[in-house]
Amino acid sequence: MDATPLCLVDDVPDGGARVVDAAPVGVPVVLVRRGEQVWAYANRCPHFSVPLDFEPGEVLCYRSQVLMCAHHSALFRFEDGHCIDGPCEGAKLDAVPVRIEEGGRVVLVR
């Protein structure tokens, strides 16, 4: 199974997000972290297909639970990308499969 390195777990703030380039996905990827768990989503809000970040690389997160689209204030849960509030409530972010390898490397799984 091919795996593309994205970053280290410690490069993603605990309770926060980091945007990384992932050429195989076709758009940047937003990594969110809570403790040792990391989830990844295409950096694209399902409401009008705009990036989640207003300033490149700056994705807002609240209470280590949800990330927010900077354009429409939609809120998405870390663990499944489900929109719990906002104009696209009920929609989901496009999940990107990742895993954590030895040494704390987060890799894109293809």
PDB file of N, CA and C in Angstrom:
ATOM      1  N   MET A   1       0.847  -1.179   0.000  1.00  0.00           N
ATOM      2  CA  MET A   1       0.000   0.000   0.000  1.00  0.00           C
ATOM      3  C   MET A   1       0.892   1.241   0.000  1.00  0.00           C
ATOM      4  N   ASP A   2       0.663   2.150  -0.963  1.00  0.00           N
ATOM      5  CA  ASP A   2       1.422   3.387  -1.044  1.00  0.00           C
ATOM      6  C   ASP A   2       1.017   4.335   0.072  1.00  0.00           C
ATOM      7  N   ALA A   3       1.991   5.073   0.590  1.00  0.00           N
ATOM      8  CA  ALA A   3       1.727   6.077   1.621  1.00  0.00           C
ATOM      9  C   ALA A   3       2.587   7.301   1.329  1.00  0.00           C
ATOM     10  N   THR A   4       1.966   8.474   1.361  1.00  0.00           N
ATOM     11  CA  THR A   4       2.659   9.732   1.130  1.00  0.00           C
ATOM     12  C   THR A   4       2.803  10.467   2.448  1.00  0.00           C
ATOM     13  N   PRO A   5       4.029  10.751   2.902  1.00  0.00           N
ATOM     14  CA  PRO A   5       4.197  11.492   4.163  1.00  0.00           C
ATOM     15  C   PRO A   5       3.594  12.896   4.062  1.00  0.00           C
ATOM     16  N   LEU A   6       2.891  13.315   5.114  1.00  0.00           N
ATOM     17  CA  LEU A   6       2.295  14.650   5.156  1.00  0.00           C
ATOM     18  C   LEU A   6       2.991  15.541   6.178  1.00  0.00           C
ATOM     19  N   CYS A   7       3.199  15.042   7.385  1.00  0.00           N
ATOM     20  CA  CYS A   7       3.845  15.800   8.453  1.00  0.00           C
ATOM     21  C   CYS A   7       3.987  14.883   9.665  1.00  0.00           C
ATOM     22  N   LEU A   8       4.473  15.434  10.759  1.00  0.00           N
ATOM     23  CA  LEU A   8       4.504  14.711  12.022  1.00  0.00           C
ATOM     24  C   LEU A   8       3.261  15.052  12.827  1.00  0.00           C
ATOM     25  N   VAL A   9       2.828  14.121  13.672  1.00  0.00           N
ATOM     26  CA  VAL A   9       1.678  14.378  14.541  1.00  0.00           C
ATOM     27  C   VAL A   9       1.900  15.675  15.314  1.00  0.00           C
ATOM     28  N   ASP A  10       3.102  15.865  15.835  1.00  0.00           N
ATOM     29  CA  ASP A  10       3.395  17.050  16.642  1.00  0.00           C
ATOM     30  C   ASP A  10       3.367  18.353  15.834  1.00  0.00           C
ATOM     31  N   ASP A  11       3.339  18.263  14.498  1.00  0.00           N
ATOM     32  CA  ASP A  11       3.225  19.462  13.662  1.00  0.00           C
ATOM     33  C   ASP A  11       1.790  19.989  13.615  1.00  0.00           C
ATOM     34  N   VAL A  12       0.840  19.169  14.059  1.00  0.00           N
ATOM     35  CA  VAL A  12      -0.569  19.566  14.105  1.00  0.00           C
ATOM     36  C   VAL A  12      -0.872  19.938  15.554  1.00  0.00           C
ATOM     37  N   PRO A  13      -1.314  21.168  15.820  1.00  0.00           N
ATOM     38  CA  PRO A  13      -1.585  21.548  17.209  1.00  0.00           C
ATOM     39  C   PRO A  13      -2.658  20.655  17.835  1.00  0.00           C
ATOM     40  N   ASP A  14      -2.435  20.235  19.069  1.00  0.00           N
ATOM     41  CA  ASP A  14      -3.439  19.439  19.771  1.00  0.00           C
ATOM     42  C   ASP A  14      -4.685  20.300  19.941  1.00  0.00           C
ATOM     43  N   GLY A  15      -5.804  19.832  19.426  1.00  0.00           N
ATOM     44  CA  GLY A  15      -7.043  20.607  19.468  1.00  0.00           C
ATOM     45  C   GLY A  15      -7.157  21.597  18.333  1.00  0.00           C
ATOM     46  N   GLY A  16      -6.256  21.486  17.366  1.00  0.00           N
ATOM     47  CA  GLY A  16      -6.234  22.439  16.264  1.00  0.00           C
ATOM     48  C   GLY A  16      -6.083  21.764  14.915  1.00  0.00           C
ATOM     49  N   ALA A  17      -5.681  22.574  13.944  1.00  0.00           N
ATOM     50  CA  ALA A  17      -5.595  22.099  12.563  1.00  0.00           C
ATOM     51  C   ALA A  17      -4.342  22.606  11.887  1.00  0.00           C
ATOM     52  N   ARG A  18      -3.988  21.911  10.828  1.00  0.00           N
ATOM     53  CA  ARG A  18      -2.879  22.326   9.966  1.00  0.00           C
ATOM     54  C   ARG A  18      -3.262  21.966   8.536  1.00  0.00           C
ATOM     55  N   VAL A  19      -2.948  22.851   7.614  1.00  0.00           N
ATOM     56  CA  VAL A  19      -3.199  22.601   6.202  1.00  0.00           C
ATOM     57  C   VAL A  19      -1.889  22.167   5.563  1.00  0.00           C
ATOM     58  N   VAL A  20      -1.935  21.067   4.804  1.00  0.00           N
ATOM     59  CA  VAL A  20      -0.743  20.564   4.112  1.00  0.00           C
ATOM     60  C   VAL A  20      -1.093  20.307   2.653  1.00  0.00           C
ATOM     61  N   ASP A  21      -0.083  20.403   1.810  1.00  0.00           N
ATOM     62  CA  ASP A  21      -0.268  20.053   0.404  1.00  0.00           C
ATOM     63  C   ASP A  21      -0.226  18.539   0.271  1.00  0.00           C
ATOM     64  N   ALA A  22      -1.133  18.016  -0.530  1.00  0.00           N
ATOM     65  CA  ALA A  22      -1.169  16.583  -0.789  1.00  0.00           C
ATOM     66  C   ALA A  22      -1.535  16.394  -2.257  1.00  0.00           C
ATOM     67  N   ALA A  23      -0.530  16.407  -3.103  1.00  0.00           N
ATOM     68  CA  ALA A  23      -0.751  16.355  -4.545  1.00  0.00           C
ATOM     69  C   ALA A  23      -1.685  15.217  -4.979  1.00  0.00           C
ATOM     70  N   PRO A  24      -1.588  14.007  -4.384  1.00  0.00           N
ATOM     71  CA  PRO A  24      -2.482  12.938  -4.843  1.00  0.00           C
ATOM     72  C   PRO A  24      -3.965  13.224  -4.610  1.00  0.00           C
ATOM     73  N   VAL A  25      -4.287  14.105  -3.671  1.00  0.00           N
ATOM     74  CA  VAL A  25      -5.685  14.419  -3.376  1.00  0.00           C
ATOM     75  C   VAL A  25      -6.218  15.466  -4.351  1.00  0.00           C
ATOM     76  N   GLY A  26      -5.357  16.326  -4.856  1.00  0.00           N
ATOM     77  CA  GLY A  26      -5.764  17.343  -5.809  1.00  0.00           C
ATOM     78  C   GLY A  26      -6.085  18.684  -5.177  1.00  0.00           C
ATOM     79  N   VAL A  27      -6.246  18.727  -3.870  1.00  0.00           N
ATOM     80  CA  VAL A  27      -6.457  19.971  -3.112  1.00  0.00           C
ATOM     81  C   VAL A  27      -5.670  19.834  -1.821  1.00  0.00           C
ATOM     82  N   PRO A  28      -5.355  20.960  -1.158  1.00  0.00           N
ATOM     83  CA  PRO A  28      -4.711  20.839   0.152  1.00  0.00           C
ATOM     84  C   PRO A  28      -5.597  20.050   1.118  1.00  0.00           C
ATOM     85  N   VAL A  29      -4.959  19.509   2.126  1.00  0.00           N
ATOM     86  CA  VAL A  29      -5.641  18.680   3.121  1.00  0.00           C
ATOM     87  C   VAL A  29      -5.569  19.376   4.475  1.00  0.00           C
ATOM     88  N   VAL A  30      -6.691  19.364   5.202  1.00  0.00           N
ATOM     89  CA  VAL A  30      -6.734  19.876   6.562  1.00  0.00           C
ATOM     90  C   VAL A  30      -6.604  18.690   7.510  1.00  0.00           C
ATOM     91  N   LEU A  31      -5.567  18.725   8.344  1.00  0.00           N
ATOM     92  CA  LEU A  31      -5.392  17.715   9.381  1.00  0.00           C
ATOM     93  C   LEU A  31      -5.870  18.317  10.687  1.00  0.00           C
ATOM     94  N   VAL A  32      -6.681  17.587  11.431  1.00  0.00           N
ATOM     95  CA  VAL A  32      -7.118  18.015  12.754  1.00  0.00           C
ATOM     96  C   VAL A  32      -6.682  16.962  13.756  1.00  0.00           C
ATOM     97  N   ARG A  33      -6.400  17.422  14.980  1.00  0.00           N
ATOM     98  CA  ARG A  33      -5.828  16.509  15.969  1.00  0.00           C
ATOM     99  C   ARG A  33      -6.475  16.723  17.336  1.00  0.00           C
ATOM    100  N   ARG A  34      -6.692  15.613  17.998  1.00  0.00           N
ATOM    101  CA  ARG A  34      -7.085  15.620  19.405  1.00  0.00           C
ATOM    102  C   ARG A  34      -6.267  14.523  20.073  1.00  0.00           C
ATOM    103  N   GLY A  35      -5.311  14.948  20.907  1.00  0.00           N
ATOM    104  CA  GLY A  35      -4.416  13.971  21.537  1.00  0.00           C
ATOM    105  C   GLY A  35      -3.586  13.276  20.483  1.00  0.00           C
ATOM    106  N   GLU A  36      -3.657  11.963  20.465  1.00  0.00           N
ATOM    107  CA  GLU A  36      -2.898  11.183  19.483  1.00  0.00           C
ATOM    108  C   GLU A  36      -3.740  10.790  18.274  1.00  0.00           C
ATOM    109  N   GLN A  37      -4.965  11.292  18.190  1.00  0.00           N
ATOM    110  CA  GLN A  37      -5.819  10.994  17.045  1.00  0.00           C
ATOM    111  C   GLN A  37      -5.718  12.118  16.029  1.00  0.00           C
ATOM    112  N   VAL A  38      -5.640  11.732  14.763  1.00  0.00           N
ATOM    113  CA  VAL A  38      -5.559  12.693  13.666  1.00  0.00           C
ATOM    114  C   VAL A  38      -6.559  12.276  12.597  1.00  0.00           C
ATOM    115  N   TRP A  39      -7.297  13.258  12.097  1.00  0.00           N
ATOM    116  CA  TRP A  39      -8.227  13.047  10.995  1.00  0.00           C
ATOM    117  C   TRP A  39      -7.844  14.003   9.878  1.00  0.00           C
ATOM    118  N   ALA A  40      -8.200  13.654   8.649  1.00  0.00           N
ATOM    119  CA  ALA A  40      -7.837  14.499   7.501  1.00  0.00           C
ATOM    120  C   ALA A  40      -9.027  14.657   6.566  1.00  0.00           C
ATOM    121  N   TYR A  41      -9.130  15.872   6.030  1.00  0.00           N
ATOM    122  CA  TYR A  41     -10.220  16.200   5.112  1.00  0.00           C
ATOM    123  C   TYR A  41      -9.699  17.094   3.996  1.00  0.00           C
ATOM    124  N   ALA A  42     -10.306  16.962   2.820  1.00  0.00           N
ATOM    125  CA  ALA A  42      -9.983  17.889   1.735  1.00  0.00           C
ATOM    126  C   ALA A  42     -10.342  19.294   2.201  1.00  0.00           C
ATOM    127  N   ASN A  43      -9.496  20.255   1.897  1.00  0.00           N
ATOM    128  CA  ASN A  43      -9.724  21.646   2.312  1.00  0.00           C
ATOM    129  C   ASN A  43     -10.759  22.282   1.380  1.00  0.00           C
ATOM    130  N   ARG A  44     -11.999  21.796   1.550  1.00  0.00           N
ATOM    131  CA  ARG A  44     -13.081  22.270   0.692  1.00  0.00           C
ATOM    132  C   ARG A  44     -14.403  22.141   1.456  1.00  0.00           C
ATOM    133  N   CYS A  45     -15.044  23.278   1.695  1.00  0.00           N
ATOM    134  CA  CYS A  45     -16.345  23.291   2.363  1.00  0.00           C
ATOM    135  C   CYS A  45     -17.401  22.778   1.379  1.00  0.00           C
ATOM    136  N   PRO A  46     -18.313  21.912   1.827  1.00  0.00           N
ATOM    137  CA  PRO A  46     -19.343  21.408   0.912  1.00  0.00           C
ATOM    138  C   PRO A  46     -20.350  22.491   0.489  1.00  0.00           C
ATOM    139  N   HIS A  47     -20.322  23.645   1.145  1.00  0.00           N
ATOM    140  CA  HIS A  47     -21.201  24.757   0.782  1.00  0.00           C
ATOM    141  C   HIS A  47     -20.428  25.671  -0.172  1.00  0.00           C
ATOM    142  N   PHE A  48     -20.624  25.562  -1.436  1.00  0.00           N
ATOM    143  CA  PHE A  48     -19.966  26.337  -2.499  1.00  0.00           C
ATOM    144  C   PHE A  48     -18.541  25.895  -2.814  1.00  0.00           C
ATOM    145  N   SER A  49     -18.054  24.806  -2.245  1.00  0.00           N
ATOM    146  CA  SER A  49     -16.729  24.254  -2.583  1.00  0.00           C
ATOM    147  C   SER A  49     -15.590  25.257  -2.431  1.00  0.00           C
ATOM    148  N   VAL A  50     -15.627  26.061  -1.382  1.00  0.00           N
ATOM    149  CA  VAL A  50     -14.548  27.010  -1.101  1.00  0.00           C
ATOM    150  C   VAL A  50     -13.629  26.431  -0.030  1.00  0.00           C
ATOM    151  N   PRO A  51     -12.368  26.890   0.051  1.00  0.00           N
ATOM    152  CA  PRO A  51     -11.470  26.400   1.102  1.00  0.00           C
ATOM    153  C   PRO A  51     -12.012  26.762   2.493  1.00  0.00           C
ATOM    154  N   LEU A  52     -11.670  25.945   3.471  1.00  0.00           N
ATOM    155  CA  LEU A  52     -12.086  26.195   4.851  1.00  0.00           C
ATOM    156  C   LEU A  52     -11.329  27.356   5.470  1.00  0.00           C
ATOM    157  N   ASP A  53     -10.134  27.624   4.976  1.00  0.00           N
ATOM    158  CA  ASP A  53      -9.319  28.713   5.522  1.00  0.00           C
ATOM    159  C   ASP A  53      -9.500  29.984   4.696  1.00  0.00           C
ATOM    160  N   PHE A  54      -9.569  31.128   5.378  1.00  0.00           N
ATOM    161  CA  PHE A  54      -9.656  32.428   4.696  1.00  0.00           C
ATOM    162  C   PHE A  54      -8.247  32.895   4.367  1.00  0.00           C
ATOM    163  N   GLU A  55      -7.397  32.918   5.396  1.00  0.00           N
ATOM    164  CA  GLU A  55      -5.965  33.151   5.193  1.00  0.00           C
ATOM    165  C   GLU A  55      -5.345  31.772   4.965  1.00  0.00           C
ATOM    166  N   PRO A  56      -4.551  31.612   3.933  1.00  0.00           N
ATOM    167  CA  PRO A  56      -3.982  30.288   3.647  1.00  0.00           C
ATOM    168  C   PRO A  56      -3.338  29.641   4.875  1.00  0.00           C
ATOM    169  N   GLY A  57      -3.787  28.432   5.178  1.00  0.00           N
ATOM    170  CA  GLY A  57      -3.206  27.645   6.265  1.00  0.00           C
ATOM    171  C   GLY A  57      -3.794  27.916   7.634  1.00  0.00           C
ATOM    172  N   GLU A  58      -4.697  28.883   7.771  1.00  0.00           N
ATOM    173  CA  GLU A  58      -5.261  29.213   9.078  1.00  0.00           C
ATOM    174  C   GLU A  58      -6.713  28.750   9.165  1.00  0.00           C
ATOM    175  N   VAL A  59      -6.915  27.575   9.761  1.00  0.00           N
ATOM    176  CA  VAL A  59      -8.246  27.012   9.941  1.00  0.00           C
ATOM    177  C   VAL A  59      -8.626  27.166  11.406  1.00  0.00           C
ATOM    178  N   LEU A  60      -9.807  27.714  11.643  1.00  0.00           N
ATOM    179  CA  LEU A  60     -10.259  27.957  13.008  1.00  0.00           C
ATOM    180  C   LEU A  60     -10.846  26.686  13.626  1.00  0.00           C
ATOM    181  N   CYS A  61     -10.497  26.423  14.886  1.00  0.00           N
ATOM    182  CA  CYS A  61     -11.013  25.276  15.623  1.00  0.00           C
ATOM    183  C   CYS A  61     -11.506  25.749  16.984  1.00  0.00           C
ATOM    184  N   TYR A  62     -12.555  25.099  17.473  1.00  0.00           N
ATOM    185  CA  TYR A  62     -13.130  25.458  18.760  1.00  0.00           C
ATOM    186  C   TYR A  62     -13.209  24.260  19.685  1.00  0.00           C
ATOM    187  N   ARG A  63     -12.735  24.476  20.909  1.00  0.00           N
ATOM    188  CA  ARG A  63     -12.822  23.499  22.001  1.00  0.00           C
ATOM    189  C   ARG A  63     -12.318  22.107  21.610  1.00  0.00           C
ATOM    190  N   SER A  64     -11.370  22.052  20.724  1.00  0.00           N
ATOM    191  CA  SER A  64     -10.782  20.780  20.286  1.00  0.00           C
ATOM    192  C   SER A  64     -11.829  19.804  19.774  1.00  0.00           C
ATOM    193  N   GLN A  65     -12.941  20.331  19.294  1.00  0.00           N
ATOM    194  CA  GLN A  65     -14.054  19.487  18.865  1.00  0.00           C
ATOM    195  C   GLN A  65     -14.493  19.717  17.424  1.00  0.00           C
ATOM    196  N   VAL A  66     -14.455  20.976  16.992  1.00  0.00           N
ATOM    197  CA  VAL A  66     -14.985  21.306  15.660  1.00  0.00           C
ATOM    198  C   VAL A  66     -14.054  22.281  14.939  1.00  0.00           C
ATOM    199  N   LEU A  67     -14.083  22.204  13.611  1.00  0.00           N
ATOM    200  CA  LEU A  67     -13.388  23.208  12.819  1.00  0.00           C
ATOM    201  C   LEU A  67     -14.445  24.031  12.094  1.00  0.00           C
ATOM    202  N   MET A  68     -14.097  25.253  11.753  1.00  0.00           N
ATOM    203  CA  MET A  68     -15.073  26.181  11.195  1.00  0.00           C
ATOM    204  C   MET A  68     -14.630  26.682   9.831  1.00  0.00           C
ATOM    205  N   CYS A  69     -15.572  26.717   8.906  1.00  0.00           N
ATOM    206  CA  CYS A  69     -15.320  27.319   7.605  1.00  0.00           C
ATOM    207  C   CYS A  69     -15.240  28.826   7.796  1.00  0.00           C
ATOM    208  N   ALA A  70     -14.158  29.422   7.350  1.00  0.00           N
ATOM    209  CA  ALA A  70     -13.945  30.859   7.522  1.00  0.00           C
ATOM    210  C   ALA A  70     -14.882  31.696   6.652  1.00  0.00           C
ATOM    211  N   HIS A  71     -15.498  31.088   5.661  1.00  0.00           N
ATOM    212  CA  HIS A  71     -16.351  31.841   4.739  1.00  0.00           C
ATOM    213  C   HIS A  71     -17.816  31.855   5.156  1.00  0.00           C
ATOM    214  N   HIS A  72     -18.298  30.741   5.729  1.00  0.00           N
ATOM    215  CA  HIS A  72     -19.731  30.630   6.023  1.00  0.00           C
ATOM    216  C   HIS A  72     -20.008  30.254   7.477  1.00  0.00           C
ATOM    217  N   SER A  73     -18.963  30.087   8.282  1.00  0.00           N
ATOM    218  CA  SER A  73     -19.083  29.727   9.701  1.00  0.00           C
ATOM    219  C   SER A  73     -19.719  28.367   9.940  1.00  0.00           C
ATOM    220  N   ALA A  74     -19.698  27.495   8.953  1.00  0.00           N
ATOM    221  CA  ALA A  74     -20.177  26.130   9.162  1.00  0.00           C
ATOM    222  C   ALA A  74     -19.221  25.420  10.118  1.00  0.00           C
ATOM    223  N   LEU A  75     -19.768  24.583  11.003  1.00  0.00           N
ATOM    224  CA  LEU A  75     -18.965  23.867  11.996  1.00  0.00           C
ATOM    225  C   LEU A  75     -18.958  22.378  11.681  1.00  0.00           C
ATOM    226  N   PHE A  76     -17.756  21.795  11.677  1.00  0.00           N
ATOM    227  CA  PHE A  76     -17.571  20.385  11.322  1.00  0.00           C
ATOM    228  C   PHE A  76     -16.874  19.648  12.460  1.00  0.00           C
ATOM    229  N   ARG A  77     -17.413  18.481  12.842  1.00  0.00           N
ATOM    230  CA  ARG A  77     -16.790  17.672  13.894  1.00  0.00           C
ATOM    231  C   ARG A  77     -15.458  17.115  13.413  1.00  0.00           C
ATOM    232  N   PHE A  78     -14.490  17.096  14.335  1.00  0.00           N
ATOM    233  CA  PHE A  78     -13.175  16.535  14.021  1.00  0.00           C
ATOM    234  C   PHE A  78     -13.297  15.086  13.552  1.00  0.00           C
ATOM    235  N   GLU A  79     -14.011  14.268  14.326  1.00  0.00           N
ATOM    236  CA  GLU A  79     -13.942  12.816  14.151  1.00  0.00           C
ATOM    237  C   GLU A  79     -14.623  12.272  12.901  1.00  0.00           C
ATOM    238  N   ASP A  80     -15.548  13.017  12.288  1.00  0.00           N
ATOM    239  CA  ASP A  80     -16.197  12.472  11.092  1.00  0.00           C
ATOM    240  C   ASP A  80     -16.470  13.522  10.009  1.00  0.00           C
ATOM    241  N   GLY A  81     -16.090  14.790  10.246  1.00  0.00           N
ATOM    242  CA  GLY A  81     -16.283  15.828   9.245  1.00  0.00           C
ATOM    243  C   GLY A  81     -17.729  16.229   9.027  1.00  0.00           C
ATOM    244  N   HIS A  82     -18.629  15.763   9.883  1.00  0.00           N
ATOM    245  CA  HIS A  82     -20.057  16.054   9.751  1.00  0.00           C
ATOM    246  C   HIS A  82     -20.339  17.501  10.145  1.00  0.00           C
ATOM    247  N   CYS A  83     -21.096  18.227   9.315  1.00  0.00           N
ATOM    248  CA  CYS A  83     -21.452  19.614   9.609  1.00  0.00           C
ATOM    249  C   CYS A  83     -22.601  19.623  10.612  1.00  0.00           C
ATOM    250  N   ILE A  84     -22.352  20.229  11.763  1.00  0.00           N
ATOM    251  CA  ILE A  84     -23.360  20.253  12.825  1.00  0.00           C
ATOM    252  C   ILE A  84     -24.077  21.595  12.924  1.00  0.00           C
ATOM    253  N   ASP A  85     -23.577  22.619  12.216  1.00  0.00           N
ATOM    254  CA  ASP A  85     -24.229  23.931  12.239  1.00  0.00           C
ATOM    255  C   ASP A  85     -23.727  24.754  11.056  1.00  0.00           C
ATOM    256  N   GLY A  86     -24.628  25.522  10.475  1.00  0.00           N
ATOM    257  CA  GLY A  86     -24.253  26.390   9.368  1.00  0.00           C
ATOM    258  C   GLY A  86     -25.063  26.094   8.131  1.00  0.00           C
ATOM    259  N   PRO A  87     -24.715  26.753   7.019  1.00  0.00           N
ATOM    260  CA  PRO A  87     -25.518  26.654   5.805  1.00  0.00           C
ATOM    261  C   PRO A  87     -25.481  25.277   5.136  1.00  0.00           C
ATOM    262  N   CYS A  88     -24.537  24.444   5.502  1.00  0.00           N
ATOM    263  CA  CYS A  88     -24.489  23.098   4.906  1.00  0.00           C
ATOM    264  C   CYS A  88     -24.725  22.024   5.966  1.00  0.00           C
ATOM    265  N   GLU A  89     -25.478  22.364   7.017  1.00  0.00           N
ATOM    266  CA  GLU A  89     -25.765  21.425   8.108  1.00  0.00           C
ATOM    267  C   GLU A  89     -26.250  20.090   7.538  1.00  0.00           C
ATOM    268  N   GLY A  90     -25.657  19.011   8.048  1.00  0.00           N
ATOM    269  CA  GLY A  90     -25.991  17.667   7.588  1.00  0.00           C
ATOM    270  C   GLY A  90     -25.043  17.141   6.519  1.00  0.00           C
ATOM    271  N   ALA A  91     -24.305  18.025   5.855  1.00  0.00           N
ATOM    272  CA  ALA A  91     -23.321  17.602   4.849  1.00  0.00           C
ATOM    273  C   ALA A  91     -22.045  17.160   5.563  1.00  0.00           C
ATOM    274  N   LYS A  92     -21.095  16.639   4.806  1.00  0.00           N
ATOM    275  CA  LYS A  92     -19.825  16.193   5.385  1.00  0.00           C
ATOM    276  C   LYS A  92     -18.667  16.687   4.545  1.00  0.00           C
ATOM    277  N   LEU A  93     -17.541  16.884   5.225  1.00  0.00           N
ATOM    278  CA  LEU A  93     -16.295  17.136   4.517  1.00  0.00           C
ATOM    279  C   LEU A  93     -15.854  15.851   3.838  1.00  0.00           C
ATOM    280  N   ASP A  94     -15.057  15.968   2.786  1.00  0.00           N
ATOM    281  CA  ASP A  94     -14.513  14.788   2.107  1.00  0.00           C
ATOM    282  C   ASP A  94     -13.334  14.258   2.907  1.00  0.00           C
ATOM    283  N   ALA A  95     -13.507  13.079   3.494  1.00  0.00           N
ATOM    284  CA  ALA A  95     -12.454  12.457   4.303  1.00  0.00           C
ATOM    285  C   ALA A  95     -11.292  12.023   3.420  1.00  0.00           C
ATOM    286  N   VAL A  96     -10.108  12.139   3.970  1.00  0.00           N
ATOM    287  CA  VAL A  96      -8.878  11.710   3.307  1.00  0.00           C
ATOM    288  C   VAL A  96      -8.248  10.656   4.214  1.00  0.00           C
ATOM    289  N   PRO A  97      -7.996   9.454   3.689  1.00  0.00           N
ATOM    290  CA  PRO A  97      -7.459   8.390   4.547  1.00  0.00           C
ATOM    291  C   PRO A  97      -6.000   8.633   4.946  1.00  0.00           C
ATOM    292  N   VAL A  98      -5.763   8.668   6.244  1.00  0.00           N
ATOM    293  CA  VAL A  98      -4.408   8.827   6.781  1.00  0.00           C
ATOM    294  C   VAL A  98      -4.198   7.811   7.891  1.00  0.00           C
ATOM    295  N   ARG A  99      -2.930   7.598   8.201  1.00  0.00           N
ATOM    296  CA  ARG A  99      -2.570   6.781   9.364  1.00  0.00           C
ATOM    297  C   ARG A  99      -1.313   7.376   9.979  1.00  0.00           C
ATOM    298  N   ILE A 100      -1.070   7.002  11.215  1.00  0.00           N
ATOM    299  CA  ILE A 100       0.134   7.439  11.908  1.00  0.00           C
ATOM    300  C   ILE A 100       1.099   6.268  11.924  1.00  0.00           C
ATOM    301  N   GLU A 101       2.293   6.519  11.412  1.00  0.00           N
ATOM    302  CA  GLU A 101       3.318   5.479  11.362  1.00  0.00           C
ATOM    303  C   GLU A 101       4.293   5.649  12.516  1.00  0.00           C
ATOM    304  N   GLU A 102       5.174   4.678  12.633  1.00  0.00           N
ATOM    305  CA  GLU A 102       6.223   4.733  13.642  1.00  0.00           C
ATOM    306  C   GLU A 102       6.977   6.056  13.532  1.00  0.00           C
ATOM    307  N   GLY A 103       7.300   6.635  14.653  1.00  0.00           N
ATOM    308  CA  GLY A 103       7.988   7.910  14.667  1.00  0.00           C
ATOM    309  C   GLY A 103       7.030   9.092  14.608  1.00  0.00           C
ATOM    310  N   GLY A 104       5.723   8.807  14.614  1.00  0.00           N
ATOM    311  CA  GLY A 104       4.736   9.883  14.628  1.00  0.00           C
ATOM    312  C   GLY A 104       4.496  10.542  13.293  1.00  0.00           C
ATOM    313  N   ARG A 105       4.863   9.873  12.202  1.00  0.00           N
ATOM    314  CA  ARG A 105       4.612  10.444  10.869  1.00  0.00           C
ATOM    315  C   ARG A 105       3.162  10.201  10.464  1.00  0.00           C
ATOM    316  N   VAL A 106       2.499  11.262  10.020  1.00  0.00           N
ATOM    317  CA  VAL A 106       1.159  11.143   9.464  1.00  0.00           C
ATOM    318  C   VAL A 106       1.318  10.958   7.968  1.00  0.00           C
ATOM    319  N   VAL A 107       0.737   9.897   7.434  1.00  0.00           N
ATOM    320  CA  VAL A 107       0.871   9.609   6.008  1.00  0.00           C
ATOM    321  C   VAL A 107      -0.496   9.463   5.353  1.00  0.00           C
ATOM    322  N   LEU A 108      -0.575   9.906   4.107  1.00  0.00           N
ATOM    323  CA  LEU A 108      -1.749   9.728   3.279  1.00  0.00           C
ATOM    324  C   LEU A 108      -1.707   8.300   2.756  1.00  0.00           C
ATOM    325  N   VAL A 109      -2.799   7.584   2.907  1.00  0.00           N
ATOM    326  CA  VAL A 109      -2.877   6.197   2.454  1.00  0.00           C
ATOM    327  C   VAL A 109      -3.602   6.167   1.123  1.00  0.00           C
ATOM    328  N   ARG A 110      -2.980   5.526   0.125  1.00  0.00           N
ATOM    329  CA  ARG A 110      -3.606   5.426  -1.198  1.00  0.00           C
ATOM    330  C   ARG A 110      -3.811   3.985  -1.570  1.00  0.00           C
TER     331      ARG A 110
END
